[in-house]
N, C-alpha and C. Protein backbone atom coordinates (compact mmCIF):
# COMPACT_ATOMS: atom_id res chain seq x y z
N UNK A 1 108.18 19.12 -93.03
CA UNK A 1 109.48 18.81 -92.57
C UNK A 1 110.56 19.69 -92.97
N UNK A 2 110.90 20.40 -92.10
CA UNK A 2 111.92 21.55 -92.39
C UNK A 2 113.15 21.05 -92.50
N UNK A 3 113.95 21.46 -93.43
CA UNK A 3 115.31 20.96 -93.64
C UNK A 3 116.27 21.84 -92.90
N UNK A 4 117.28 21.53 -91.95
CA UNK A 4 118.23 22.48 -91.40
C UNK A 4 119.78 21.75 -91.94
N UNK A 5 120.68 22.62 -91.80
CA UNK A 5 122.06 22.14 -91.98
C UNK A 5 122.68 21.40 -91.01
N UNK A 6 122.08 21.23 -89.86
CA UNK A 6 122.52 20.37 -88.69
C UNK A 6 122.19 18.63 -89.14
N UNK A 7 123.16 17.79 -88.72
CA UNK A 7 123.03 16.40 -88.77
C UNK A 7 121.79 16.06 -88.07
N UNK A 8 120.74 15.42 -88.99
CA UNK A 8 119.45 15.08 -88.01
C UNK A 8 119.73 13.57 -87.58
N UNK A 9 119.35 13.32 -86.46
CA UNK A 9 119.45 12.12 -85.84
C UNK A 9 118.12 11.85 -85.15
N UNK A 10 117.47 10.86 -85.63
CA UNK A 10 116.19 10.23 -84.99
C UNK A 10 116.42 9.17 -84.44
N UNK A 11 115.82 9.12 -83.03
CA UNK A 11 115.95 8.13 -82.22
C UNK A 11 114.66 7.38 -82.13
N UNK A 12 114.76 5.94 -82.25
CA UNK A 12 113.23 5.34 -82.18
C UNK A 12 113.19 4.88 -80.86
N UNK A 13 112.66 5.13 -79.89
CA UNK A 13 112.56 4.46 -78.58
C UNK A 13 113.19 5.59 -77.53
N UNK A 14 112.26 5.86 -76.48
CA UNK A 14 112.58 6.82 -75.30
C UNK A 14 112.91 6.14 -74.25
N UNK A 15 113.51 5.11 -74.12
CA UNK A 15 113.78 4.26 -72.87
C UNK A 15 115.08 4.75 -72.36
N UNK A 16 115.74 3.90 -71.51
CA UNK A 16 117.01 4.39 -70.77
C UNK A 16 118.17 4.48 -71.91
N UNK A 17 118.18 3.65 -72.71
CA UNK A 17 119.20 3.86 -73.74
C UNK A 17 119.06 5.02 -74.79
N UNK A 18 117.77 5.19 -75.22
CA UNK A 18 117.42 6.21 -76.09
C UNK A 18 118.06 7.70 -75.44
N UNK A 19 117.53 7.53 -74.08
CA UNK A 19 117.88 8.88 -73.24
C UNK A 19 119.10 9.12 -73.21
N UNK A 20 120.00 7.98 -72.70
CA UNK A 20 121.42 8.24 -72.56
C UNK A 20 122.17 8.57 -73.65
N UNK A 21 121.76 8.16 -75.04
CA UNK A 21 122.56 8.37 -76.11
C UNK A 21 122.19 9.91 -76.47
N UNK A 22 121.02 10.59 -76.10
CA UNK A 22 120.71 11.71 -76.40
C UNK A 22 121.45 12.68 -75.25
N UNK A 23 121.72 12.05 -74.15
CA UNK A 23 122.51 12.91 -73.09
C UNK A 23 124.03 13.08 -73.43
N UNK A 24 124.50 11.78 -74.04
CA UNK A 24 125.82 11.81 -74.33
C UNK A 24 126.19 12.70 -75.66
N UNK A 25 125.22 12.57 -76.43
CA UNK A 25 125.66 13.08 -77.71
C UNK A 25 125.52 14.73 -77.37
N UNK A 26 124.56 15.30 -76.73
CA UNK A 26 124.68 16.66 -76.26
C UNK A 26 125.86 17.00 -75.60
N UNK A 27 126.24 16.05 -74.61
CA UNK A 27 127.47 16.43 -73.94
C UNK A 27 128.67 16.49 -74.83
N UNK A 28 128.90 15.47 -75.77
CA UNK A 28 130.02 15.64 -76.56
C UNK A 28 129.97 16.70 -77.80
N UNK A 29 128.87 17.11 -78.00
CA UNK A 29 128.78 18.17 -79.11
C UNK A 29 128.50 19.51 -78.57
N UNK A 30 128.24 19.62 -77.27
CA UNK A 30 127.71 20.92 -76.69
C UNK A 30 126.27 21.21 -77.24
N UNK A 31 125.80 20.34 -77.82
CA UNK A 31 124.34 20.66 -78.31
C UNK A 31 124.27 21.31 -79.52
N UNK A 32 125.56 21.45 -80.22
CA UNK A 32 125.70 22.10 -81.56
C UNK A 32 125.91 21.03 -82.82
N UNK A 33 125.23 21.43 -83.91
CA UNK A 33 125.49 20.57 -85.09
C UNK A 33 124.39 19.34 -85.18
N UNK A 34 123.59 19.18 -84.17
CA UNK A 34 122.73 17.87 -84.20
C UNK A 34 121.19 18.64 -84.14
N UNK A 35 120.47 18.01 -84.91
CA UNK A 35 118.95 17.89 -84.67
C UNK A 35 118.44 16.68 -84.19
N UNK A 36 118.06 16.46 -82.76
CA UNK A 36 117.88 15.27 -82.21
C UNK A 36 116.24 15.16 -82.09
N UNK A 37 115.73 14.15 -82.84
CA UNK A 37 114.26 13.95 -82.79
C UNK A 37 113.94 12.46 -82.31
N UNK A 38 113.09 12.45 -80.89
CA UNK A 38 113.06 11.15 -80.32
C UNK A 38 111.44 10.77 -80.33
N UNK A 39 111.39 9.63 -80.70
CA UNK A 39 110.02 9.07 -80.82
C UNK A 39 109.64 7.74 -79.60
N UNK A 40 108.75 8.11 -78.83
CA UNK A 40 108.53 7.03 -77.74
C UNK A 40 107.19 6.75 -77.77
N UNK A 41 106.85 5.30 -77.45
CA UNK A 41 105.80 4.77 -77.55
C UNK A 41 105.12 4.94 -76.28
N UNK A 42 105.70 5.09 -75.17
CA UNK A 42 105.08 5.33 -73.84
C UNK A 42 104.58 6.81 -73.81
N UNK A 43 103.89 7.07 -72.84
CA UNK A 43 103.11 8.64 -72.58
C UNK A 43 104.07 9.47 -71.80
N UNK A 44 105.28 8.90 -71.06
CA UNK A 44 106.13 9.49 -70.38
C UNK A 44 107.56 9.47 -71.01
N UNK A 45 108.29 10.60 -70.32
CA UNK A 45 109.77 10.54 -70.89
C UNK A 45 110.34 9.13 -70.22
N UNK A 46 111.53 9.14 -70.64
CA UNK A 46 112.26 7.95 -70.13
C UNK A 46 112.39 7.77 -68.50
N UNK A 47 112.49 6.56 -68.05
CA UNK A 47 112.38 6.23 -66.43
C UNK A 47 113.40 5.08 -66.37
N UNK A 48 113.72 4.91 -65.13
CA UNK A 48 114.67 3.81 -64.69
C UNK A 48 113.91 2.45 -64.46
N UNK A 49 113.83 1.85 -65.59
CA UNK A 49 113.03 0.44 -65.68
C UNK A 49 113.75 -0.51 -64.74
N UNK A 50 114.98 -0.37 -64.68
CA UNK A 50 115.56 -1.36 -63.75
C UNK A 50 115.26 -1.45 -62.33
N UNK A 51 114.80 -0.14 -61.94
CA UNK A 51 114.25 -0.03 -60.48
C UNK A 51 112.75 0.18 -60.44
N UNK A 52 112.10 -0.53 -61.23
CA UNK A 52 110.49 -0.48 -61.24
C UNK A 52 110.10 -1.00 -59.85
N UNK A 53 110.54 -1.88 -59.13
CA UNK A 53 110.15 -2.42 -58.05
C UNK A 53 110.18 -1.27 -56.79
N UNK A 54 110.80 -0.13 -57.01
CA UNK A 54 110.90 1.02 -56.08
C UNK A 54 109.41 1.69 -56.21
N UNK A 55 108.61 1.34 -57.29
CA UNK A 55 107.43 1.81 -57.38
C UNK A 55 106.47 1.52 -56.48
N UNK A 56 106.50 0.21 -55.98
CA UNK A 56 105.83 -0.54 -54.99
C UNK A 56 106.28 -0.28 -53.77
N UNK A 57 107.45 0.52 -53.54
CA UNK A 57 107.99 0.75 -52.14
C UNK A 57 107.78 2.06 -51.93
N UNK A 58 107.09 3.03 -52.74
CA UNK A 58 106.61 4.34 -52.39
C UNK A 58 107.14 5.24 -53.47
N UNK A 59 108.24 4.76 -54.38
CA UNK A 59 108.51 5.92 -55.25
C UNK A 59 107.47 6.09 -56.40
N UNK A 60 107.51 7.15 -56.88
CA UNK A 60 106.58 7.66 -57.73
C UNK A 60 107.09 7.56 -59.32
N UNK A 61 106.19 7.72 -60.13
CA UNK A 61 106.73 7.62 -61.60
C UNK A 61 107.73 8.87 -61.87
N UNK A 62 107.58 10.05 -61.26
CA UNK A 62 108.36 11.27 -61.42
C UNK A 62 109.76 10.71 -60.65
N UNK A 63 109.64 10.14 -59.52
CA UNK A 63 110.99 9.72 -59.02
C UNK A 63 111.80 8.82 -59.81
N UNK A 64 111.31 7.89 -60.79
CA UNK A 64 112.03 6.93 -61.40
C UNK A 64 112.46 7.71 -62.91
N UNK A 65 111.71 9.10 -63.11
CA UNK A 65 112.18 9.65 -64.61
C UNK A 65 113.40 10.06 -64.49
N UNK A 66 114.12 9.74 -65.54
CA UNK A 66 115.59 10.05 -65.75
C UNK A 66 115.50 11.62 -65.91
N UNK A 67 114.78 12.30 -66.79
CA UNK A 67 114.80 13.55 -66.86
C UNK A 67 113.36 14.04 -67.48
N UNK A 68 112.78 15.05 -66.92
CA UNK A 68 111.62 15.68 -67.24
C UNK A 68 111.39 16.09 -68.50
N UNK A 69 110.25 16.15 -69.25
CA UNK A 69 109.89 16.50 -70.58
C UNK A 69 110.58 17.84 -70.77
N UNK A 70 110.89 18.83 -69.71
CA UNK A 70 111.46 20.04 -69.87
C UNK A 70 112.91 19.98 -70.37
N UNK A 71 113.49 18.85 -69.86
CA UNK A 71 114.92 18.60 -70.15
C UNK A 71 115.18 18.56 -71.48
N UNK A 72 114.22 17.73 -72.35
CA UNK A 72 114.39 17.70 -73.98
C UNK A 72 114.15 18.86 -74.51
N UNK A 73 113.21 19.75 -73.87
CA UNK A 73 113.08 21.11 -74.59
C UNK A 73 114.09 22.16 -74.38
N UNK A 74 114.66 22.09 -73.21
CA UNK A 74 115.83 23.03 -72.77
C UNK A 74 116.78 22.63 -73.59
N UNK A 75 117.06 21.32 -74.04
CA UNK A 75 118.34 20.86 -74.84
C UNK A 75 118.15 20.92 -76.22
N UNK A 76 116.97 21.34 -76.78
CA UNK A 76 116.56 21.31 -78.25
C UNK A 76 116.19 19.93 -78.84
N UNK A 77 115.70 19.01 -78.01
CA UNK A 77 115.62 17.78 -78.42
C UNK A 77 113.86 17.71 -78.69
N UNK A 78 113.53 17.23 -79.89
CA UNK A 78 112.19 17.26 -80.13
C UNK A 78 111.96 15.82 -79.66
N UNK A 79 110.97 15.74 -78.54
CA UNK A 79 110.42 14.52 -78.13
C UNK A 79 108.84 14.36 -78.54
N UNK A 80 108.49 13.12 -79.23
CA UNK A 80 107.21 12.68 -79.36
C UNK A 80 106.90 11.61 -78.62
N UNK A 81 106.00 11.75 -77.62
CA UNK A 81 105.60 10.84 -76.62
C UNK A 81 104.29 10.12 -77.18
N UNK A 82 103.95 8.92 -76.78
CA UNK A 82 102.79 8.27 -77.35
C UNK A 82 102.76 8.28 -78.81
N UNK A 83 103.76 8.20 -79.33
CA UNK A 83 103.83 8.17 -80.93
C UNK A 83 104.90 7.18 -81.26
N UNK A 84 104.73 5.85 -81.31
CA UNK A 84 105.65 5.02 -81.97
C UNK A 84 106.00 5.15 -83.46
N UNK A 85 106.97 4.82 -84.06
CA UNK A 85 107.38 4.87 -85.21
C UNK A 85 106.67 3.66 -85.99
N UNK A 86 106.12 3.67 -87.18
CA UNK A 86 105.25 2.62 -87.54
C UNK A 86 105.86 2.05 -88.79
N UNK A 87 106.80 3.20 -89.66
CA UNK A 87 107.22 2.79 -90.74
C UNK A 87 108.78 3.48 -90.93
N UNK A 88 109.69 2.77 -91.57
CA UNK A 88 111.01 3.27 -91.70
C UNK A 88 111.01 3.15 -93.32
N UNK A 89 111.55 4.14 -94.04
CA UNK A 89 111.79 4.23 -95.45
C UNK A 89 113.32 4.39 -95.54
N UNK A 90 114.16 3.53 -95.87
CA UNK A 90 115.33 3.58 -95.73
C UNK A 90 116.05 4.31 -97.02
N UNK A 91 115.32 4.09 -98.15
CA UNK A 91 115.62 4.72 -99.25
C UNK A 91 115.36 6.19 -99.25
N UNK A 92 114.33 6.70 -98.74
CA UNK A 92 114.18 8.19 -98.47
C UNK A 92 114.79 8.76 -97.27
N UNK A 93 115.41 7.80 -96.47
CA UNK A 93 115.71 8.07 -95.06
C UNK A 93 114.73 9.04 -94.37
N UNK A 94 113.61 8.44 -94.12
CA UNK A 94 112.34 9.00 -93.42
C UNK A 94 111.90 8.00 -92.44
N UNK A 95 111.32 8.47 -91.32
CA UNK A 95 110.40 7.58 -90.57
C UNK A 95 109.09 8.16 -90.32
N UNK A 96 108.16 7.31 -90.30
CA UNK A 96 106.56 7.75 -90.11
C UNK A 96 105.95 7.31 -88.64
N UNK A 97 105.41 8.13 -88.06
CA UNK A 97 104.85 7.79 -86.73
C UNK A 97 103.40 7.40 -86.93
N UNK A 98 102.73 6.80 -85.75
CA UNK A 98 101.62 6.28 -85.58
C UNK A 98 100.87 7.41 -85.94
N UNK A 99 100.99 8.72 -85.38
CA UNK A 99 100.37 9.86 -85.65
C UNK A 99 100.46 10.50 -86.93
N UNK A 100 101.30 9.74 -87.86
CA UNK A 100 101.47 10.42 -89.03
C UNK A 100 102.70 11.42 -89.35
N UNK A 101 103.24 11.58 -88.21
CA UNK A 101 104.44 12.54 -88.58
C UNK A 101 105.45 12.00 -89.27
N UNK A 102 106.17 12.59 -90.32
CA UNK A 102 107.22 12.25 -91.15
C UNK A 102 108.52 12.99 -90.81
N UNK A 103 109.61 12.27 -90.60
CA UNK A 103 110.81 12.97 -90.11
C UNK A 103 111.93 12.53 -91.05
N UNK A 104 112.78 13.38 -91.60
CA UNK A 104 114.01 12.84 -92.23
C UNK A 104 114.98 12.75 -91.36
N UNK A 105 116.16 11.91 -91.74
CA UNK A 105 117.15 11.54 -90.74
C UNK A 105 118.49 11.53 -91.64
N UNK A 106 119.76 11.83 -91.05
CA UNK A 106 120.83 11.37 -91.58
C UNK A 106 121.24 10.26 -90.94
N UNK A 107 121.05 9.99 -89.45
CA UNK A 107 121.27 8.87 -88.76
C UNK A 107 120.01 8.60 -88.11
N UNK A 108 119.64 7.09 -88.14
CA UNK A 108 118.69 6.50 -87.47
C UNK A 108 119.36 5.66 -86.26
N UNK A 109 118.59 5.68 -85.18
CA UNK A 109 119.12 4.98 -84.00
C UNK A 109 117.66 4.07 -83.60
N UNK A 110 117.89 2.76 -83.55
CA UNK A 110 116.73 1.93 -83.00
C UNK A 110 116.96 1.70 -81.54
N UNK A 111 116.48 2.12 -80.61
CA UNK A 111 116.67 2.10 -79.31
C UNK A 111 115.30 1.50 -78.67
N UNK A 112 114.78 0.44 -79.42
CA UNK A 112 113.35 0.10 -78.76
C UNK A 112 113.38 -0.75 -77.70
N UNK A 113 114.43 -1.14 -77.25
CA UNK A 113 114.53 -2.29 -76.22
C UNK A 113 113.72 -3.41 -76.54
N UNK A 114 113.25 -4.16 -75.61
CA UNK A 114 112.77 -5.65 -75.65
C UNK A 114 111.24 -5.45 -75.22
N UNK A 115 110.62 -6.51 -75.97
CA UNK A 115 109.15 -6.64 -75.42
C UNK A 115 109.14 -7.85 -74.58
N UNK A 116 107.93 -7.68 -73.46
CA UNK A 116 107.82 -8.88 -72.61
C UNK A 116 107.32 -10.10 -73.34
N UNK A 117 108.05 -11.23 -73.27
CA UNK A 117 107.60 -12.63 -73.73
C UNK A 117 106.71 -13.08 -72.93
N UNK A 118 105.39 -13.37 -73.46
CA UNK A 118 104.38 -14.03 -72.64
C UNK A 118 104.37 -15.30 -73.32
N UNK A 119 104.53 -16.53 -72.64
CA UNK A 119 104.47 -17.94 -73.17
C UNK A 119 103.02 -18.20 -73.67
N UNK A 120 102.77 -18.89 -74.85
CA UNK A 120 101.64 -19.08 -75.24
C UNK A 120 100.93 -20.28 -74.54
N UNK A 121 100.40 -20.18 -73.32
CA UNK A 121 99.89 -21.11 -72.45
C UNK A 121 98.66 -20.66 -72.16
N UNK A 122 97.62 -21.82 -71.90
CA UNK A 122 96.37 -21.33 -71.48
C UNK A 122 96.24 -20.37 -70.51
N UNK A 123 95.32 -19.42 -70.42
CA UNK A 123 95.15 -18.62 -69.35
C UNK A 123 95.84 -17.16 -69.28
N UNK A 124 96.67 -17.05 -70.29
CA UNK A 124 97.31 -15.78 -70.30
C UNK A 124 96.49 -14.66 -70.59
N UNK A 125 95.44 -14.92 -71.23
CA UNK A 125 94.48 -13.85 -71.61
C UNK A 125 93.46 -13.44 -70.62
N UNK A 126 93.58 -14.16 -69.43
CA UNK A 126 92.48 -13.97 -68.38
C UNK A 126 92.93 -12.74 -67.56
N UNK A 127 91.76 -12.28 -66.83
CA UNK A 127 92.15 -11.01 -65.85
C UNK A 127 93.27 -11.40 -64.75
N UNK A 128 93.93 -10.62 -64.46
CA UNK A 128 95.03 -10.71 -63.48
C UNK A 128 96.24 -11.20 -64.08
N UNK A 129 96.47 -11.28 -65.20
CA UNK A 129 97.69 -11.65 -65.80
C UNK A 129 98.40 -10.53 -66.48
N UNK A 130 99.48 -10.23 -66.08
CA UNK A 130 100.21 -8.93 -66.52
C UNK A 130 101.54 -9.17 -66.96
N UNK A 131 102.01 -8.30 -67.70
CA UNK A 131 103.53 -8.20 -67.86
C UNK A 131 104.08 -7.26 -67.03
N UNK A 132 105.40 -7.19 -66.66
CA UNK A 132 106.08 -6.23 -65.77
C UNK A 132 107.13 -5.78 -66.66
N UNK A 133 106.86 -4.49 -67.35
CA UNK A 133 107.62 -3.73 -68.02
C UNK A 133 107.67 -2.35 -68.04
N UNK A 134 106.33 -1.67 -67.86
CA UNK A 134 105.99 -0.40 -67.77
C UNK A 134 105.42 0.06 -66.70
N UNK A 135 105.49 1.39 -66.23
CA UNK A 135 104.87 2.13 -65.12
C UNK A 135 103.45 1.77 -65.11
N UNK A 136 102.82 1.80 -66.36
CA UNK A 136 101.49 1.65 -66.66
C UNK A 136 101.13 0.23 -66.09
N UNK A 137 102.13 -0.88 -66.57
CA UNK A 137 101.71 -2.37 -66.01
C UNK A 137 101.80 -2.37 -64.70
N UNK A 138 102.68 -1.58 -63.95
CA UNK A 138 102.70 -1.53 -62.38
C UNK A 138 101.34 -1.16 -61.83
N UNK A 139 100.96 0.17 -62.44
CA UNK A 139 99.73 0.56 -61.91
C UNK A 139 98.56 -0.35 -62.17
N UNK A 140 98.37 -1.04 -63.05
CA UNK A 140 97.26 -2.04 -62.98
C UNK A 140 97.34 -3.16 -62.18
N UNK A 141 98.79 -3.65 -61.98
CA UNK A 141 99.18 -4.78 -61.15
C UNK A 141 98.69 -4.23 -59.75
N UNK A 142 99.02 -3.00 -59.24
CA UNK A 142 98.46 -2.45 -57.97
C UNK A 142 97.16 -2.11 -57.89
N UNK A 143 96.45 -1.83 -58.83
CA UNK A 143 94.99 -1.60 -58.90
C UNK A 143 94.29 -2.95 -58.50
N UNK A 144 94.78 -3.78 -59.57
CA UNK A 144 94.27 -5.24 -59.34
C UNK A 144 94.21 -6.02 -58.04
N UNK A 145 95.52 -5.77 -57.56
CA UNK A 145 95.79 -6.47 -56.23
C UNK A 145 94.97 -5.64 -55.25
N UNK A 146 94.88 -4.29 -55.15
CA UNK A 146 93.91 -3.58 -54.09
C UNK A 146 92.49 -4.01 -54.29
N UNK A 147 92.01 -4.09 -55.47
CA UNK A 147 90.51 -4.38 -55.65
C UNK A 147 90.15 -5.92 -55.58
N UNK A 148 90.90 -6.72 -54.80
CA UNK A 148 90.52 -7.98 -54.59
C UNK A 148 90.59 -8.95 -55.62
N UNK A 149 91.41 -8.72 -56.53
CA UNK A 149 91.67 -9.57 -57.84
C UNK A 149 90.55 -9.36 -58.98
N UNK A 150 89.89 -8.12 -58.80
CA UNK A 150 88.61 -7.75 -59.74
C UNK A 150 88.93 -6.50 -60.34
N UNK A 151 89.05 -6.47 -61.68
CA UNK A 151 89.33 -5.04 -62.48
C UNK A 151 88.04 -4.22 -62.23
N UNK A 152 86.86 -4.78 -61.79
CA UNK A 152 85.77 -4.09 -61.80
C UNK A 152 85.52 -3.44 -60.24
N UNK A 153 86.50 -3.58 -59.29
CA UNK A 153 86.42 -3.37 -58.06
C UNK A 153 86.06 -4.49 -57.11
N UNK A 154 86.61 -4.51 -56.05
CA UNK A 154 86.17 -5.39 -54.97
C UNK A 154 86.42 -4.70 -53.47
N UNK A 155 86.21 -5.65 -52.54
CA UNK A 155 86.31 -5.07 -51.20
C UNK A 155 87.37 -5.47 -50.51
N UNK A 156 88.50 -6.42 -51.00
CA UNK A 156 89.62 -6.70 -50.35
C UNK A 156 90.66 -6.72 -51.39
N UNK A 157 91.81 -7.10 -50.78
CA UNK A 157 93.17 -7.12 -51.54
C UNK A 157 93.06 -8.64 -51.92
N UNK A 158 93.80 -8.76 -53.25
CA UNK A 158 94.22 -10.23 -53.69
C UNK A 158 95.29 -10.77 -52.65
N UNK A 159 95.37 -12.07 -52.50
CA UNK A 159 95.88 -12.63 -51.74
C UNK A 159 97.17 -13.21 -52.16
N UNK A 160 97.38 -13.87 -53.42
CA UNK A 160 98.49 -14.61 -53.93
C UNK A 160 98.74 -14.01 -55.37
N UNK A 161 99.93 -14.13 -55.83
CA UNK A 161 100.39 -14.08 -56.99
C UNK A 161 101.58 -15.02 -57.41
N UNK A 162 101.85 -15.06 -58.72
CA UNK A 162 102.83 -15.96 -59.29
C UNK A 162 103.49 -15.20 -60.36
N UNK A 163 104.62 -15.70 -60.51
CA UNK A 163 105.61 -14.90 -61.42
C UNK A 163 106.00 -15.96 -62.44
N UNK A 164 106.13 -15.83 -63.78
CA UNK A 164 106.76 -16.81 -64.66
C UNK A 164 107.92 -16.03 -65.24
N UNK A 165 108.99 -16.59 -64.86
CA UNK A 165 110.05 -16.02 -65.56
C UNK A 165 111.15 -15.51 -64.23
N UNK A 166 112.38 -15.82 -64.50
CA UNK A 166 113.32 -15.46 -63.10
C UNK A 166 114.56 -14.69 -63.78
N UNK A 167 114.40 -13.97 -64.60
CA UNK A 167 115.49 -12.89 -65.16
C UNK A 167 115.18 -11.94 -64.17
N UNK A 168 116.00 -10.65 -64.40
CA UNK A 168 116.06 -9.58 -63.75
C UNK A 168 114.55 -8.94 -63.55
N UNK A 169 113.90 -8.80 -64.57
CA UNK A 169 112.38 -8.33 -64.51
C UNK A 169 111.53 -9.46 -63.58
N UNK A 170 111.78 -10.54 -63.54
CA UNK A 170 110.99 -11.66 -62.95
C UNK A 170 111.36 -11.32 -61.55
N UNK A 171 112.49 -11.52 -61.17
CA UNK A 171 112.92 -11.09 -59.65
C UNK A 171 112.00 -9.86 -59.26
N UNK A 172 112.32 -8.77 -60.03
CA UNK A 172 111.80 -7.42 -59.65
C UNK A 172 110.21 -7.94 -59.43
N UNK A 173 109.65 -8.44 -60.50
CA UNK A 173 108.21 -8.62 -60.18
C UNK A 173 107.86 -9.29 -58.82
N UNK A 174 108.50 -10.40 -58.41
CA UNK A 174 108.30 -10.98 -57.42
C UNK A 174 108.42 -10.19 -56.15
N UNK A 175 109.34 -9.41 -56.22
CA UNK A 175 109.64 -8.53 -55.08
C UNK A 175 108.40 -7.30 -55.09
N UNK A 176 107.72 -7.01 -56.20
CA UNK A 176 106.66 -6.15 -56.43
C UNK A 176 105.50 -7.05 -55.60
N UNK A 177 105.33 -8.20 -55.69
CA UNK A 177 104.14 -9.01 -55.20
C UNK A 177 104.42 -9.10 -53.75
N UNK A 178 105.70 -9.21 -53.34
CA UNK A 178 105.79 -9.09 -51.90
C UNK A 178 105.49 -7.64 -51.26
N UNK A 179 105.83 -6.75 -51.91
CA UNK A 179 105.59 -5.35 -51.32
C UNK A 179 104.18 -5.12 -51.64
N UNK A 180 103.48 -5.49 -52.42
CA UNK A 180 101.97 -5.38 -52.40
C UNK A 180 101.33 -6.28 -51.30
N UNK A 181 102.13 -7.12 -50.58
CA UNK A 181 101.53 -8.10 -49.59
C UNK A 181 100.86 -9.08 -50.01
N UNK A 182 101.28 -9.46 -51.27
CA UNK A 182 100.85 -10.93 -51.69
C UNK A 182 101.61 -12.09 -51.63
N UNK A 183 101.12 -13.06 -51.22
CA UNK A 183 101.85 -14.39 -50.81
C UNK A 183 102.48 -14.92 -52.30
């Protein structure tokens, strides 16, 4: 852990909010005076989660990306993907990641977003039950639908789907099922 004279800002979460914070902080500061360190749980840079249904209409993960990994490097932002923060030591002002990285901070921003609530009802543990939150979730849904409702492969598409939840992502999930050709 190398100490610099810059103000160290650690951002926990590399979703839309974490990315926008970095973008705005860099724009206001001209990239001077800050060391920005970002930890993200997902394997890819921030993407537009609000328009995930576009994935089923032909958009790629890259189309939904808010900025490629190169943007972070070009702007001096240290980006740790697939490495969520697992411990915060407020007294020492450090965070520790899943992979054991320890970073000191002057300011800590928690931009972790929300998790998908799965109601505790019988059947949620079965094959074919998915949350609708990440590109990886969508890839699993697409593959499952194409394989006839079997994760082990099948010869036909799944025919029916159901959505629990009517919020924004619930409506997006319903649109995704329609785009996949499911009833």
